[in-house]
C-alpha cells in the first residue's frame, strides 16, 4: 500500500509535467480598455437658421453613461461628439479623470441655445469645469473642433436619435 501511494504521486507529478518543452508565453494583458464610438444620433449646429455642420453623436443620458463620459477613449471619429442629456436645466460641472483626449465643451440650454463654450480642456484634469449657468445639455468634442466650426454663444443646436 505504501508503494502504491508513491507510484500514484509519481504518476501525478509526471502527468502534470510538460516534459522539457518551454512554457507557452502568457497572453498579452490589455491594461487600457478603449471604448469605441457608438453613433446614437446626429446633432446640427445653426446660426440664424443657417446650417453650419452636422455631426454624429453618442448620447449619455443615464447616470452611468454620464459618469463614464469619454473616459477610456483614445480618439473620436471626425465630426463626432458625445451629448450629455440631463433631466432639467441646472448648473453642471465636468472633470476629465481618466479622459485621454483634450476636449471642447459646449454648454446648451433646454431651448437648444448655446449658453457658453469651454475650449482645449486638458486630458486627465481633476479640477471641475463649470457651466457657469443652468444648462440641460453638454456636448463634448475633440479639442479644436469649436475653432474650426466658429461656433458662438447664441447659436442653436438640434439633435435627434437614429431610427
Protein backbone atom coordinates (compact mmCIF):
# COMPACT_ATOMS: atom_id res chain seq x y z
CA UNK A 1 0.00 0.00 0.00
CA UNK A 2 2.89 2.32 0.86
CA UNK A 3 4.44 1.77 -2.57
CA UNK A 4 1.09 2.32 -4.29
CA UNK A 5 0.87 5.86 -2.86
CA UNK A 6 4.41 6.60 -4.10
CA UNK A 7 3.56 5.35 -7.56
CA UNK A 8 0.35 7.42 -7.68
CA UNK A 9 2.23 10.53 -6.54
CA UNK A 10 4.95 9.91 -9.16
CA UNK A 11 2.37 9.49 -11.90
CA UNK A 12 0.64 12.73 -10.87
CA UNK A 13 3.92 14.63 -10.96
CA UNK A 14 4.84 13.21 -14.36
CA UNK A 15 1.34 13.80 -15.70
CA UNK A 16 1.49 17.48 -14.73
CA UNK A 17 4.94 17.93 -16.25
CA UNK A 18 5.26 19.45 -19.70
CA UNK A 19 8.39 17.42 -20.37
CA UNK A 20 11.23 19.63 -21.50
CA UNK A 21 9.02 21.93 -23.56
CA UNK A 22 9.24 25.62 -22.63
CA UNK A 23 6.10 27.12 -21.14
CA UNK A 24 3.83 28.91 -23.60
CA UNK A 25 4.16 32.69 -23.42
CA UNK A 26 1.45 34.42 -21.45
CA UNK A 27 -1.25 36.16 -23.46
CA UNK A 28 -0.80 39.96 -23.51
CA UNK A 29 -2.99 41.70 -20.99
CA UNK A 30 -4.86 44.81 -22.14
CA UNK A 31 -4.15 47.36 -19.45
CA UNK A 32 -6.08 50.21 -21.03
CA UNK A 33 -9.53 49.48 -22.35
CA UNK A 34 -10.50 51.59 -25.35
CA UNK A 35 -14.25 52.04 -25.72
CA UNK A 36 -15.26 52.53 -29.37
CA UNK A 37 -17.57 55.33 -30.51
CA UNK A 38 -21.23 54.34 -30.88
CA UNK A 39 -23.36 56.54 -33.14
CA UNK A 40 -26.71 57.06 -31.39
CA UNK A 41 -27.90 60.05 -33.41
CA UNK A 42 -26.95 63.31 -35.07
CA UNK A 43 -26.60 66.91 -33.97
CA UNK A 44 -26.71 70.00 -36.16
CA UNK A 45 -25.33 73.47 -35.47
CA UNK A 46 -27.28 76.50 -36.74
CA UNK A 47 -26.69 80.25 -36.86
CA UNK A 48 -29.66 82.42 -37.84
CA UNK A 49 -31.40 79.27 -39.14
CA UNK A 50 -28.46 78.51 -41.46
CA UNK A 51 -26.96 75.03 -41.05
CA UNK A 52 -23.28 75.19 -40.09
CA UNK A 53 -22.50 71.47 -39.76
CA UNK A 54 -23.99 68.14 -38.71
CA UNK A 55 -22.09 65.58 -36.63
CA UNK A 56 -22.68 62.06 -35.27
CA UNK A 57 -23.28 61.86 -31.53
CA UNK A 58 -23.13 59.26 -28.83
CA UNK A 59 -25.82 60.02 -26.24
CA UNK A 60 -25.13 59.81 -22.50
CA UNK A 61 -28.46 60.13 -20.74
CA UNK A 62 -28.33 57.95 -17.63
CA UNK A 63 -26.13 58.30 -14.54
CA UNK A 64 -23.78 55.51 -15.58
CA UNK A 65 -23.11 56.78 -19.11
CA UNK A 66 -22.85 60.41 -17.95
CA UNK A 67 -20.34 59.46 -15.23
CA UNK A 68 -18.24 57.44 -17.70
CA UNK A 69 -18.43 60.04 -20.49
CA UNK A 70 -15.44 59.85 -22.80
CA UNK A 71 -13.19 58.13 -20.29
CA UNK A 72 -11.09 55.34 -21.76
CA UNK A 73 -11.26 56.76 -25.27
CA UNK A 74 -8.10 57.36 -27.24
CA UNK A 75 -9.84 59.00 -30.20
CA UNK A 76 -13.11 60.25 -31.60
CA UNK A 77 -14.05 59.84 -35.25
CA UNK A 78 -14.06 63.03 -37.33
CA UNK A 79 -17.26 65.06 -36.96
CA UNK A 80 -18.47 63.31 -33.82
CA UNK A 81 -19.02 64.03 -30.15
CA UNK A 82 -20.84 62.95 -27.02
CA UNK A 83 -24.07 64.66 -25.97
CA UNK A 84 -24.90 64.56 -22.25
CA UNK A 85 -28.64 64.84 -21.63
CA UNK A 86 -29.87 65.88 -18.18
CA UNK A 87 -33.49 65.72 -16.92
CA UNK A 88 -33.72 69.51 -16.49
CA UNK A 89 -31.64 72.68 -16.67
CA UNK A 90 -29.18 73.00 -13.80
CA UNK A 91 -25.63 74.15 -13.11
CA UNK A 92 -23.30 71.41 -14.40
CA UNK A 93 -19.67 70.64 -13.71
CA UNK A 94 -17.44 68.18 -15.55
CA UNK A 95 -13.96 66.83 -14.87
CA UNK A 96 -11.53 64.89 -17.06
CA UNK A 97 -10.46 62.00 -14.81
CA UNK A 98 -9.37 59.04 -16.97
CA UNK A 99 -10.11 61.02 -20.13
CA UNK A 100 -7.15 60.76 -22.51
CA UNK A 101 -8.44 63.30 -25.06
CA UNK A 102 -8.23 67.08 -24.93
CA UNK A 103 -11.81 68.32 -25.35
CA UNK A 104 -14.03 71.30 -26.12
CA UNK A 105 -17.31 71.61 -24.17
CA UNK A 106 -20.50 73.26 -25.43
CA UNK A 107 -22.95 74.17 -22.64
CA UNK A 108 -26.50 74.18 -24.07
CA UNK A 109 -29.80 75.43 -22.64
CA UNK A 110 -33.01 73.39 -22.83
CA UNK A 111 -34.09 75.57 -25.80
CA UNK A 112 -31.07 74.38 -27.80
CA UNK A 113 -29.29 77.75 -27.49
CA UNK A 114 -25.53 77.66 -26.92
CA UNK A 115 -25.04 79.15 -23.44
CA UNK A 116 -21.23 79.07 -23.48
CA UNK A 117 -18.18 77.08 -24.54
CA UNK A 118 -15.00 75.92 -22.86
CA UNK A 119 -12.15 75.08 -25.21
CA UNK A 120 -9.00 72.97 -25.06
CA UNK A 121 -9.61 71.24 -21.73
CA UNK A 122 -6.52 69.20 -20.97
CA UNK A 123 -6.67 65.40 -20.59
CA UNK A 124 -6.74 63.88 -17.09
CA UNK A 125 -7.59 67.26 -15.49
CA UNK A 126 -9.02 66.76 -12.00
CA UNK A 127 -10.45 70.25 -11.46
CA UNK A 128 -14.14 70.67 -12.25
CA UNK A 129 -15.06 72.68 -15.34
CA UNK A 130 -18.29 74.60 -14.56
CA UNK A 131 -21.10 75.50 -16.96
CA UNK A 132 -21.42 78.96 -15.33
CA UNK A 133 -25.18 78.86 -15.62
CA UNK A 134 -28.04 76.38 -15.92
CA UNK A 135 -27.89 74.04 -18.92
CA UNK A 136 -29.68 70.83 -19.88
CA UNK A 137 -27.19 69.53 -22.43
CA UNK A 138 -23.41 69.37 -22.61
CA UNK A 139 -21.63 68.45 -25.83
CA UNK A 140 -18.06 67.12 -25.68
CA UNK A 141 -15.99 67.41 -28.85
CA UNK A 142 -12.35 66.85 -29.70
CA UNK A 143 -10.30 69.94 -28.79
CA UNK A 144 -10.06 72.38 -31.70
CA UNK A 145 -13.42 71.43 -33.21
CA UNK A 146 -15.07 74.65 -31.98
CA UNK A 147 -12.33 76.80 -33.52
CA UNK A 148 -12.77 75.05 -36.87
CA UNK A 149 -16.56 75.47 -36.69
CA UNK A 150 -16.58 79.07 -35.47
CA UNK A 151 -19.49 78.41 -33.07
CA UNK A 152 -20.54 81.40 -30.91
CA UNK A 153 -22.82 81.90 -27.93
CA UNK A 154 -26.44 82.17 -29.05
CA UNK A 155 -26.05 79.70 -31.92
CA UNK A 156 -28.57 76.85 -31.88
CA UNK A 157 -28.29 73.09 -31.86
CA UNK A 158 -30.84 70.46 -32.82
CA UNK A 159 -30.32 66.75 -32.22
CA UNK A 160 -32.14 63.53 -32.99
CA UNK A 161 -31.71 59.81 -32.33
CA UNK A 162 -31.01 57.27 -35.03
CA UNK A 163 -34.13 55.38 -36.06
